[in-house]
N, C-alpha and C. Protein backbone atom coordinates (compact mmCIF):
# COMPACT_ATOMS: atom_id res chain seq x y z
N MET A 1 22.88 66.42 -21.89
CA MET A 1 21.69 67.12 -21.25
C MET A 1 20.50 66.24 -21.07
N LYS A 2 20.21 65.43 -21.87
CA LYS A 2 18.98 64.48 -21.76
C LYS A 2 19.37 63.38 -20.84
N ASN A 3 20.61 62.96 -20.57
CA ASN A 3 21.13 62.04 -19.62
C ASN A 3 20.83 62.83 -18.18
N LYS A 4 21.33 64.03 -18.11
CA LYS A 4 21.29 64.74 -16.81
C LYS A 4 19.69 64.85 -16.34
N LEU A 5 18.85 65.05 -17.22
CA LEU A 5 17.55 65.09 -17.09
C LEU A 5 16.76 63.81 -16.56
N THR A 6 17.20 62.71 -17.11
CA THR A 6 16.80 61.52 -16.81
C THR A 6 17.34 61.11 -15.56
N ILE A 7 18.43 61.40 -15.15
CA ILE A 7 18.97 61.11 -13.75
C ILE A 7 18.04 61.92 -12.87
N THR A 8 18.00 63.39 -12.97
CA THR A 8 17.31 64.04 -12.17
C THR A 8 15.96 63.60 -11.97
N ILE A 9 15.12 63.23 -12.87
CA ILE A 9 13.99 62.59 -12.75
C ILE A 9 13.85 61.52 -11.89
N ALA A 10 14.72 60.46 -12.22
CA ALA A 10 14.75 59.40 -11.46
C ALA A 10 15.16 59.54 -10.00
N TYR A 11 15.87 60.46 -9.57
CA TYR A 11 16.33 60.89 -8.38
C TYR A 11 15.14 61.44 -7.63
N LEU A 12 14.35 62.33 -8.31
CA LEU A 12 13.14 62.96 -7.60
C LEU A 12 12.00 61.87 -7.42
N LEU A 13 11.94 60.88 -8.35
CA LEU A 13 11.10 59.61 -8.02
C LEU A 13 11.30 58.95 -6.96
N PHE A 14 12.67 58.63 -6.97
CA PHE A 14 13.35 57.81 -5.66
C PHE A 14 12.75 58.58 -4.34
N LEU A 15 13.10 59.80 -4.38
CA LEU A 15 12.92 60.70 -3.11
C LEU A 15 11.28 60.57 -2.85
N GLY A 16 10.38 60.87 -3.86
CA GLY A 16 9.18 60.71 -3.58
C GLY A 16 8.74 59.35 -3.14
N ILE A 17 9.25 58.35 -3.71
CA ILE A 17 8.85 56.86 -3.21
C ILE A 17 9.37 56.77 -1.77
N THR A 18 10.48 56.95 -1.42
CA THR A 18 11.19 56.96 -0.29
C THR A 18 10.30 57.87 0.76
N ALA A 19 9.81 58.97 0.63
CA ALA A 19 8.86 59.75 1.23
C ALA A 19 7.75 59.10 1.59
N ILE A 20 7.02 58.48 0.70
CA ILE A 20 5.77 57.75 0.88
C ILE A 20 5.92 56.63 1.66
N ALA A 21 7.03 55.82 1.35
CA ALA A 21 7.34 54.64 2.02
C ALA A 21 7.60 54.80 3.51
N GLN A 22 8.20 55.87 3.83
CA GLN A 22 8.53 56.18 5.14
C GLN A 22 7.71 57.24 5.90
N SER A 23 6.51 57.40 5.28
CA SER A 23 5.56 58.29 5.93
C SER A 23 5.02 57.64 7.38
N THR A 24 5.01 58.61 8.42
CA THR A 24 4.50 58.23 9.59
C THR A 24 3.07 58.36 9.87
N LEU A 25 2.37 57.42 10.37
CA LEU A 25 1.02 57.56 10.94
C LEU A 25 0.92 57.76 12.24
N LYS A 26 -0.17 58.55 12.70
CA LYS A 26 -0.32 58.65 13.92
C LYS A 26 -1.68 58.21 14.33
N VAL A 27 -1.87 57.66 15.48
CA VAL A 27 -3.20 56.99 15.83
C VAL A 27 -4.21 58.19 16.24
N VAL A 28 -5.43 58.10 15.45
CA VAL A 28 -6.53 58.89 15.74
C VAL A 28 -7.33 58.26 16.86
N SER A 29 -7.71 57.24 16.72
CA SER A 29 -8.44 56.37 17.77
C SER A 29 -8.15 54.80 17.65
N SER A 30 -8.41 53.96 18.60
CA SER A 30 -8.17 52.62 18.69
C SER A 30 -9.13 51.90 19.46
N THR A 31 -9.53 50.66 19.15
CA THR A 31 -10.32 49.79 20.03
C THR A 31 -9.39 48.37 19.96
N ILE A 32 -9.09 48.14 21.18
CA ILE A 32 -8.42 46.82 21.37
C ILE A 32 -9.35 45.93 22.48
N SER A 33 -9.93 44.89 21.96
CA SER A 33 -10.78 44.21 22.70
C SER A 33 -10.47 42.63 22.59
N PHE A 34 -10.87 42.05 23.67
CA PHE A 34 -10.60 40.58 23.63
C PHE A 34 -11.85 39.78 24.23
N LYS A 35 -11.64 38.57 24.01
CA LYS A 35 -12.83 37.69 24.32
C LYS A 35 -12.29 36.31 24.69
N ILE A 36 -12.74 35.78 25.93
CA ILE A 36 -12.29 34.52 26.33
C ILE A 36 -13.39 33.80 27.14
N LYS A 37 -13.51 32.76 27.21
CA LYS A 37 -14.31 31.67 28.04
C LYS A 37 -14.15 31.54 29.37
N ASN A 38 -14.64 31.80 30.23
CA ASN A 38 -14.56 31.28 31.73
C ASN A 38 -15.67 30.74 32.18
N ALA A 39 -15.51 29.55 32.78
CA ALA A 39 -16.49 28.89 33.27
C ALA A 39 -17.81 28.83 32.28
N GLY A 40 -17.47 28.64 31.13
CA GLY A 40 -18.51 28.38 29.97
C GLY A 40 -19.03 29.53 29.61
N LEU A 41 -18.84 30.73 30.12
CA LEU A 41 -19.27 32.00 29.65
C LEU A 41 -18.36 32.73 28.88
N GLY A 42 -18.89 33.68 27.99
CA GLY A 42 -17.81 34.78 27.15
C GLY A 42 -17.59 35.78 28.10
N VAL A 43 -16.53 36.02 28.30
CA VAL A 43 -16.07 37.26 28.98
C VAL A 43 -15.28 38.29 27.78
N THR A 44 -15.72 39.36 27.77
CA THR A 44 -15.15 40.27 26.98
C THR A 44 -14.47 41.47 27.63
N GLY A 45 -13.50 42.19 27.13
CA GLY A 45 -12.80 43.36 27.76
C GLY A 45 -12.13 44.21 26.81
N THR A 46 -11.64 45.33 27.12
CA THR A 46 -10.90 46.21 26.38
C THR A 46 -9.59 46.65 27.16
N PHE A 47 -8.58 47.20 26.33
CA PHE A 47 -7.53 47.89 26.92
C PHE A 47 -7.45 49.25 26.23
N THR A 48 -7.10 50.32 26.79
CA THR A 48 -7.18 51.72 26.21
C THR A 48 -5.54 52.31 26.36
N GLY A 49 -5.32 53.39 25.74
CA GLY A 49 -4.06 53.84 25.93
C GLY A 49 -3.03 53.61 25.06
N LEU A 50 -3.49 53.17 23.63
CA LEU A 50 -2.56 52.64 22.79
C LEU A 50 -1.58 53.82 22.48
N GLU A 51 -0.10 53.55 22.53
CA GLU A 51 0.77 54.45 21.95
C GLU A 51 1.49 53.65 20.73
N ALA A 52 1.77 54.27 19.70
CA ALA A 52 2.43 53.73 18.57
C ALA A 52 3.23 54.60 17.54
N ASP A 53 4.11 53.79 17.13
CA ASP A 53 5.03 54.50 16.02
C ASP A 53 4.73 53.52 14.91
N ILE A 54 3.91 54.15 13.83
CA ILE A 54 3.53 53.37 12.78
C ILE A 54 4.35 54.06 11.57
N LYS A 55 4.78 53.27 10.70
CA LYS A 55 5.38 53.65 9.38
C LYS A 55 5.00 52.40 8.63
N PHE A 56 3.88 52.59 7.76
CA PHE A 56 3.38 51.54 7.02
C PHE A 56 3.09 52.08 5.56
N SER A 57 3.47 51.41 4.62
CA SER A 57 3.07 51.54 3.17
C SER A 57 2.72 50.15 2.51
N PRO A 58 1.57 50.17 1.96
CA PRO A 58 1.10 48.82 1.44
C PRO A 58 1.94 48.53 0.33
N ASP A 59 2.73 49.31 -0.39
CA ASP A 59 3.56 49.39 -1.59
C ASP A 59 5.06 49.05 -1.13
N ASN A 60 5.31 49.21 0.19
CA ASN A 60 6.75 48.89 0.36
C ASN A 60 6.99 48.61 1.82
N PHE A 61 6.85 47.15 1.93
CA PHE A 61 6.93 46.53 3.22
C PHE A 61 8.31 46.70 3.89
N ARG A 62 9.32 46.60 3.26
CA ARG A 62 10.78 46.81 3.72
C ARG A 62 10.92 47.96 4.63
N ALA A 63 10.17 49.14 4.09
CA ALA A 63 10.17 50.29 4.83
C ALA A 63 9.15 50.51 5.96
N SER A 64 8.29 49.51 6.05
CA SER A 64 7.24 49.39 7.14
C SER A 64 7.63 48.89 8.40
N THR A 65 7.21 49.59 9.47
CA THR A 65 7.44 49.11 10.78
C THR A 65 6.30 49.69 11.75
N ILE A 66 5.95 48.73 12.67
CA ILE A 66 4.94 49.10 13.66
C ILE A 66 5.51 48.80 15.11
N LYS A 67 5.46 49.72 15.98
CA LYS A 67 5.84 49.39 17.39
C LYS A 67 4.85 50.08 18.14
N ALA A 68 4.19 49.40 19.07
CA ALA A 68 3.17 49.86 19.85
C ALA A 68 3.07 49.31 21.38
N SER A 69 2.47 50.06 21.94
CA SER A 69 2.27 49.57 23.54
C SER A 69 0.87 50.15 24.01
N VAL A 70 0.33 49.19 25.07
CA VAL A 70 -0.90 49.48 25.60
C VAL A 70 -0.58 49.54 27.05
N ASP A 71 -1.45 50.43 27.72
CA ASP A 71 -1.33 50.31 29.20
C ASP A 71 -2.10 49.27 29.88
N ALA A 72 -1.46 48.19 30.18
CA ALA A 72 -2.17 47.02 30.83
C ALA A 72 -3.06 47.31 32.05
N ASN A 73 -2.91 48.52 32.78
CA ASN A 73 -3.69 48.96 33.99
C ASN A 73 -4.88 49.34 33.36
N THR A 74 -5.33 49.60 31.89
CA THR A 74 -6.49 50.04 31.61
C THR A 74 -7.47 48.93 31.35
N ILE A 75 -7.34 47.74 31.70
CA ILE A 75 -8.14 46.55 31.25
C ILE A 75 -9.43 46.89 31.94
N ASN A 76 -10.38 46.67 31.00
CA ASN A 76 -11.75 47.03 31.53
C ASN A 76 -12.71 45.84 30.99
N THR A 77 -13.52 45.03 31.98
CA THR A 77 -14.33 44.13 31.82
C THR A 77 -15.78 44.64 31.98
N GLU A 78 -15.88 45.74 32.72
CA GLU A 78 -17.16 46.43 32.97
C GLU A 78 -17.45 45.78 34.33
N ILE A 79 -16.78 45.04 34.93
CA ILE A 79 -16.96 44.67 36.33
C ILE A 79 -15.64 44.85 37.22
N ASN A 80 -15.74 45.86 38.11
CA ASN A 80 -14.63 46.52 38.77
C ASN A 80 -13.75 45.45 39.46
N ALA A 81 -14.50 44.57 40.13
CA ALA A 81 -13.81 43.60 41.19
C ALA A 81 -13.05 42.54 40.02
N ARG A 82 -13.53 42.28 38.85
CA ARG A 82 -12.79 41.28 37.99
C ARG A 82 -11.73 42.18 37.49
N ASP A 83 -11.89 43.43 37.22
CA ASP A 83 -10.55 44.13 36.68
C ASP A 83 -9.59 44.30 37.60
N LYS A 84 -9.81 44.37 39.00
CA LYS A 84 -8.77 44.56 40.05
C LYS A 84 -8.11 43.21 40.27
N HIS A 85 -8.88 42.06 40.14
CA HIS A 85 -8.21 40.76 40.21
C HIS A 85 -7.18 40.42 38.85
N LEU A 86 -7.73 40.91 37.66
CA LEU A 86 -6.73 40.67 36.50
C LEU A 86 -5.52 41.44 36.49
N LYS A 87 -5.50 42.65 37.39
CA LYS A 87 -4.28 43.40 37.47
C LYS A 87 -3.43 42.80 38.47
N LYS A 88 -3.71 41.82 39.20
CA LYS A 88 -2.87 41.00 39.97
C LYS A 88 -1.88 40.35 39.41
N GLU A 89 -1.03 39.89 40.10
CA GLU A 89 0.46 39.02 39.65
C GLU A 89 -0.14 37.88 38.81
N GLU A 90 -1.15 37.00 39.31
CA GLU A 90 -1.38 36.01 38.56
C GLU A 90 -1.92 36.18 37.18
N PHE A 91 -2.42 37.25 37.00
CA PHE A 91 -2.86 37.49 35.51
C PHE A 91 -1.96 38.63 34.90
N PHE A 92 -2.07 39.79 34.98
CA PHE A 92 -1.28 40.74 34.06
C PHE A 92 -0.29 41.34 34.99
N ASP A 93 -0.17 41.27 36.17
CA ASP A 93 0.92 41.93 37.12
C ASP A 93 1.22 43.29 36.73
N VAL A 94 0.32 44.23 36.65
CA VAL A 94 0.43 45.50 36.10
C VAL A 94 1.63 46.34 36.93
N ALA A 95 1.56 45.91 38.22
CA ALA A 95 2.64 46.88 38.94
C ALA A 95 4.00 46.49 38.40
N LYS A 96 4.41 45.32 38.21
CA LYS A 96 5.75 44.95 37.47
C LYS A 96 5.82 45.10 35.88
N PHE A 97 4.58 44.92 35.29
CA PHE A 97 4.60 44.90 33.91
C PHE A 97 3.54 45.78 33.54
N PRO A 98 3.73 47.22 33.41
CA PRO A 98 2.63 48.14 33.13
C PRO A 98 2.29 47.94 31.60
N LYS A 99 3.09 47.79 30.83
CA LYS A 99 2.97 47.81 29.19
C LYS A 99 2.95 46.41 28.53
N ILE A 100 1.95 46.32 27.49
CA ILE A 100 1.88 45.22 26.71
C ILE A 100 2.33 45.72 25.34
N THR A 101 3.48 45.27 24.79
CA THR A 101 3.98 45.78 23.67
C THR A 101 4.04 44.83 22.38
N ILE A 102 4.11 45.38 21.34
CA ILE A 102 4.23 44.53 20.07
C ILE A 102 5.24 45.39 19.01
N ALA A 103 5.93 44.60 18.36
CA ALA A 103 6.90 45.18 17.37
C ALA A 103 6.78 44.38 16.04
N SER A 104 6.84 44.88 14.87
CA SER A 104 6.58 44.30 13.69
C SER A 104 8.14 43.71 13.35
N SER A 105 7.99 42.49 12.78
CA SER A 105 9.25 41.75 12.18
C SER A 105 9.27 42.01 10.62
N PHE A 106 8.13 41.71 9.97
CA PHE A 106 7.99 41.89 8.68
C PHE A 106 6.39 41.70 8.34
N PHE A 107 6.08 42.15 7.06
CA PHE A 107 4.90 42.18 6.51
C PHE A 107 4.64 41.26 5.21
N GLY A 108 3.42 40.91 5.09
CA GLY A 108 3.32 40.22 3.65
C GLY A 108 1.76 40.42 3.09
N LYS A 109 1.82 40.50 1.83
CA LYS A 109 0.56 40.56 1.26
C LYS A 109 -0.45 39.11 1.14
N GLU A 110 -1.63 39.39 1.59
CA GLU A 110 -2.51 38.35 1.32
C GLU A 110 -3.66 38.68 0.41
N THR A 111 -4.45 37.52 0.06
CA THR A 111 -5.62 37.67 -0.93
C THR A 111 -6.55 39.00 -0.50
N ASN A 112 -6.85 38.91 0.77
CA ASN A 112 -7.80 40.08 1.16
C ASN A 112 -7.20 40.87 2.10
N GLY A 113 -5.92 41.18 2.18
CA GLY A 113 -5.38 42.08 3.03
C GLY A 113 -3.95 41.89 2.97
N PHE A 114 -3.54 41.96 4.28
CA PHE A 114 -2.02 41.75 4.73
C PHE A 114 -1.73 40.79 5.79
N LYS A 115 -0.72 40.47 6.02
CA LYS A 115 -0.12 39.62 7.16
C LYS A 115 0.87 40.14 7.88
N GLY A 116 0.81 40.49 9.10
CA GLY A 116 1.87 41.07 9.76
C GLY A 116 2.66 40.18 10.91
N TYR A 117 3.86 40.10 10.87
CA TYR A 117 4.54 39.11 11.69
C TYR A 117 5.23 40.05 12.84
N PHE A 118 4.86 39.75 14.09
CA PHE A 118 5.22 40.61 15.14
C PHE A 118 5.86 39.76 16.45
N LYS A 119 6.42 40.50 17.45
CA LYS A 119 6.92 39.99 18.58
C LYS A 119 5.92 40.73 19.46
N LEU A 120 5.20 39.89 20.30
CA LEU A 120 4.39 40.19 21.38
C LEU A 120 4.68 40.08 22.66
N THR A 121 4.86 41.36 23.50
CA THR A 121 5.41 40.93 24.82
C THR A 121 4.31 41.28 25.85
N ILE A 122 3.97 40.26 26.68
CA ILE A 122 3.14 40.31 27.89
C ILE A 122 3.73 39.83 29.20
N LYS A 123 3.82 40.43 30.32
CA LYS A 123 4.40 40.09 31.43
C LYS A 123 5.93 39.64 31.17
N GLY A 124 6.86 40.46 30.24
CA GLY A 124 8.09 40.16 30.05
C GLY A 124 8.33 38.98 29.12
N ILE A 125 7.32 38.37 28.76
CA ILE A 125 7.40 37.13 27.85
C ILE A 125 7.20 37.58 26.49
N THR A 126 7.99 37.26 25.57
CA THR A 126 8.04 37.71 24.15
C THR A 126 7.68 36.48 23.21
N LYS A 127 6.57 36.34 22.43
CA LYS A 127 6.28 35.43 21.42
C LYS A 127 6.09 36.02 20.12
N ASP A 128 6.45 35.17 18.99
CA ASP A 128 6.06 35.35 17.71
C ASP A 128 4.71 35.11 17.35
N ILE A 129 4.04 36.21 16.96
CA ILE A 129 2.52 36.09 16.43
C ILE A 129 2.43 36.51 15.01
N VAL A 130 1.39 36.02 14.54
CA VAL A 130 0.95 36.34 13.12
C VAL A 130 -0.48 37.06 13.13
N ILE A 131 -0.63 38.29 12.82
CA ILE A 131 -1.89 39.18 12.60
C ILE A 131 -2.30 39.34 11.11
N PRO A 132 -3.44 38.68 10.80
CA PRO A 132 -3.98 39.09 9.44
C PRO A 132 -4.67 40.35 9.64
N PHE A 133 -4.50 41.31 8.66
CA PHE A 133 -5.16 42.29 8.76
C PHE A 133 -5.58 42.99 7.46
N ILE A 134 -6.47 44.21 7.66
CA ILE A 134 -6.89 44.92 6.45
C ILE A 134 -6.38 46.29 6.73
N PHE A 135 -5.87 47.03 5.52
CA PHE A 135 -5.43 48.47 5.93
C PHE A 135 -6.28 49.10 4.84
N ASP A 136 -7.42 49.86 5.19
CA ASP A 136 -8.22 50.47 4.24
C ASP A 136 -8.58 51.97 4.89
N ASN A 137 -8.31 52.95 4.20
CA ASN A 137 -8.63 54.37 4.45
C ASN A 137 -8.07 54.83 5.80
N ASN A 138 -6.73 54.48 5.87
CA ASN A 138 -5.92 54.62 6.88
C ASN A 138 -6.25 53.92 8.20
N THR A 139 -6.93 52.93 8.18
CA THR A 139 -7.67 52.13 9.47
C THR A 139 -7.14 50.74 9.23
N PHE A 140 -6.49 50.28 10.24
CA PHE A 140 -6.04 48.73 10.48
C PHE A 140 -7.11 48.03 11.22
N THR A 141 -7.64 46.94 10.70
CA THR A 141 -8.51 46.02 11.51
C THR A 141 -7.88 44.70 11.35
N GLY A 142 -7.86 44.00 12.25
CA GLY A 142 -7.49 42.64 12.41
C GLY A 142 -7.96 41.81 13.59
N GLN A 143 -7.66 40.48 13.45
CA GLN A 143 -8.20 39.73 14.80
C GLN A 143 -7.12 38.48 14.78
N PHE A 144 -6.68 38.02 15.97
CA PHE A 144 -5.76 37.01 16.26
C PHE A 144 -6.05 36.46 17.37
N THR A 145 -5.48 35.16 17.64
CA THR A 145 -5.67 34.40 18.74
C THR A 145 -4.44 34.03 19.57
N ILE A 146 -4.20 34.04 20.74
CA ILE A 146 -3.19 33.80 21.57
C ILE A 146 -3.58 32.76 22.59
N ASN A 147 -2.61 32.13 22.99
CA ASN A 147 -2.61 31.22 24.13
C ASN A 147 -2.35 31.88 25.35
N ARG A 148 -3.21 32.14 26.39
CA ARG A 148 -2.93 33.05 27.49
C ARG A 148 -1.60 32.33 28.35
N ARG A 149 -1.65 30.94 28.40
CA ARG A 149 -0.57 30.37 29.11
C ARG A 149 0.84 30.54 28.62
N ASP A 150 0.84 30.73 27.31
CA ASP A 150 2.17 31.49 26.68
C ASP A 150 2.88 32.50 27.38
N PHE A 151 1.84 33.44 28.08
CA PHE A 151 2.21 34.39 28.57
C PHE A 151 2.21 34.41 30.13
N ASN A 152 1.96 33.41 30.60
CA ASN A 152 1.78 33.03 32.18
C ASN A 152 0.70 33.91 32.69
N ILE A 153 -0.54 34.01 31.99
CA ILE A 153 -1.77 34.68 32.39
C ILE A 153 -2.76 33.72 33.06
N GLY A 154 -3.10 33.73 34.18
CA GLY A 154 -4.29 33.12 34.83
C GLY A 154 -3.89 31.66 35.32
N GLY A 155 -2.56 31.43 35.21
CA GLY A 155 -2.15 30.18 35.91
C GLY A 155 -2.60 28.86 35.31
N SER A 156 -3.01 27.91 35.88
CA SER A 156 -3.54 26.65 35.33
C SER A 156 -4.77 26.43 35.33
N SER A 157 -5.78 27.48 35.39
CA SER A 157 -7.12 27.55 35.61
C SER A 157 -7.83 26.46 34.52
N ILE A 158 -8.58 25.60 35.04
CA ILE A 158 -9.33 24.59 34.08
C ILE A 158 -10.60 25.25 33.75
N MET A 159 -11.06 26.40 34.41
CA MET A 159 -12.35 26.89 34.27
C MET A 159 -12.16 27.89 32.98
N MET A 160 -11.05 28.31 32.89
CA MET A 160 -10.87 29.40 31.76
C MET A 160 -10.18 28.74 30.45
N SER A 161 -10.71 29.21 29.38
CA SER A 161 -10.16 28.83 28.23
C SER A 161 -8.53 29.20 28.00
N ASP A 162 -7.83 28.48 27.27
CA ASP A 162 -6.49 28.91 27.06
C ASP A 162 -6.50 29.96 25.94
N ASN A 163 -7.40 29.91 25.03
CA ASN A 163 -7.41 30.67 23.99
C ASN A 163 -7.96 32.16 24.03
N VAL A 164 -7.56 33.19 23.64
CA VAL A 164 -7.95 34.57 23.82
C VAL A 164 -8.04 35.11 22.42
N ILE A 165 -9.33 35.70 22.03
CA ILE A 165 -9.30 36.23 20.75
C ILE A 165 -9.19 37.83 21.02
N ILE A 166 -8.22 38.30 20.15
CA ILE A 166 -8.12 39.71 20.45
C ILE A 166 -8.40 40.41 18.89
N SER A 167 -9.06 41.66 19.02
CA SER A 167 -9.55 42.23 17.81
C SER A 167 -9.03 43.72 17.97
N LEU A 168 -8.57 44.29 16.77
CA LEU A 168 -8.01 45.47 16.72
C LEU A 168 -8.73 46.18 15.69
N THR A 169 -8.93 47.49 15.98
CA THR A 169 -9.29 48.60 15.05
C THR A 169 -8.50 49.95 15.20
N ILE A 170 -7.66 50.35 14.55
CA ILE A 170 -6.74 51.38 14.88
C ILE A 170 -6.77 52.19 13.55
N LYS A 171 -7.32 53.51 13.96
CA LYS A 171 -7.69 54.61 12.91
C LYS A 171 -6.53 55.44 13.12
N THR A 172 -5.82 55.75 11.63
CA THR A 172 -4.65 56.67 11.74
C THR A 172 -4.83 57.89 10.75
N ALA A 173 -3.96 58.71 10.68
CA ALA A 173 -3.82 59.78 9.90
C ALA A 173 -2.44 60.11 9.61
N PRO A 174 -2.01 60.46 8.44
CA PRO A 174 -0.73 60.92 8.22
C PRO A 174 -0.28 61.83 9.17
N GLN A 175 0.94 61.67 9.69
CA GLN A 175 1.69 62.64 10.50
C GLN A 175 2.40 63.72 9.80
N ASN A 176 2.08 65.00 10.27
CA ASN A 176 2.77 66.12 9.54
C ASN A 176 4.25 66.21 10.12
């Protein structure tokens, strides 16, 4: 009888840990912003329309996954003429590539947070990236840098920096 009780308790604990590890988070709000130098001036902008499938547990990285996309057509630098230009083929080619996507490969623990390894796809080009981030109060915050030329954005312009700094703040809540 004691052995049966031990097995039952262990099974219930396993189910509870599995349920926590596989809990899905829904996006409540998000801020996706970028910064790049162009002709020596800082240009900032945002993307909206984040859609995500997030299963994240700081205690169980093996069960954690993040798949997300953002609507490339939502690019906003607060200058309409520039936004229209950025939607063209030389930059984001939103007619042909309407979504920017990211999918996690695995996660790791860092001294002050976490590190996520992802596949980022822009304009049909997929590259491996690493995003250091903090997960606190169901909110992800992180920042990373990409080389725009790796994704064939902006051609070979010498006026524009190759490096783009991307900042993320994604507030989530448990999905019922």
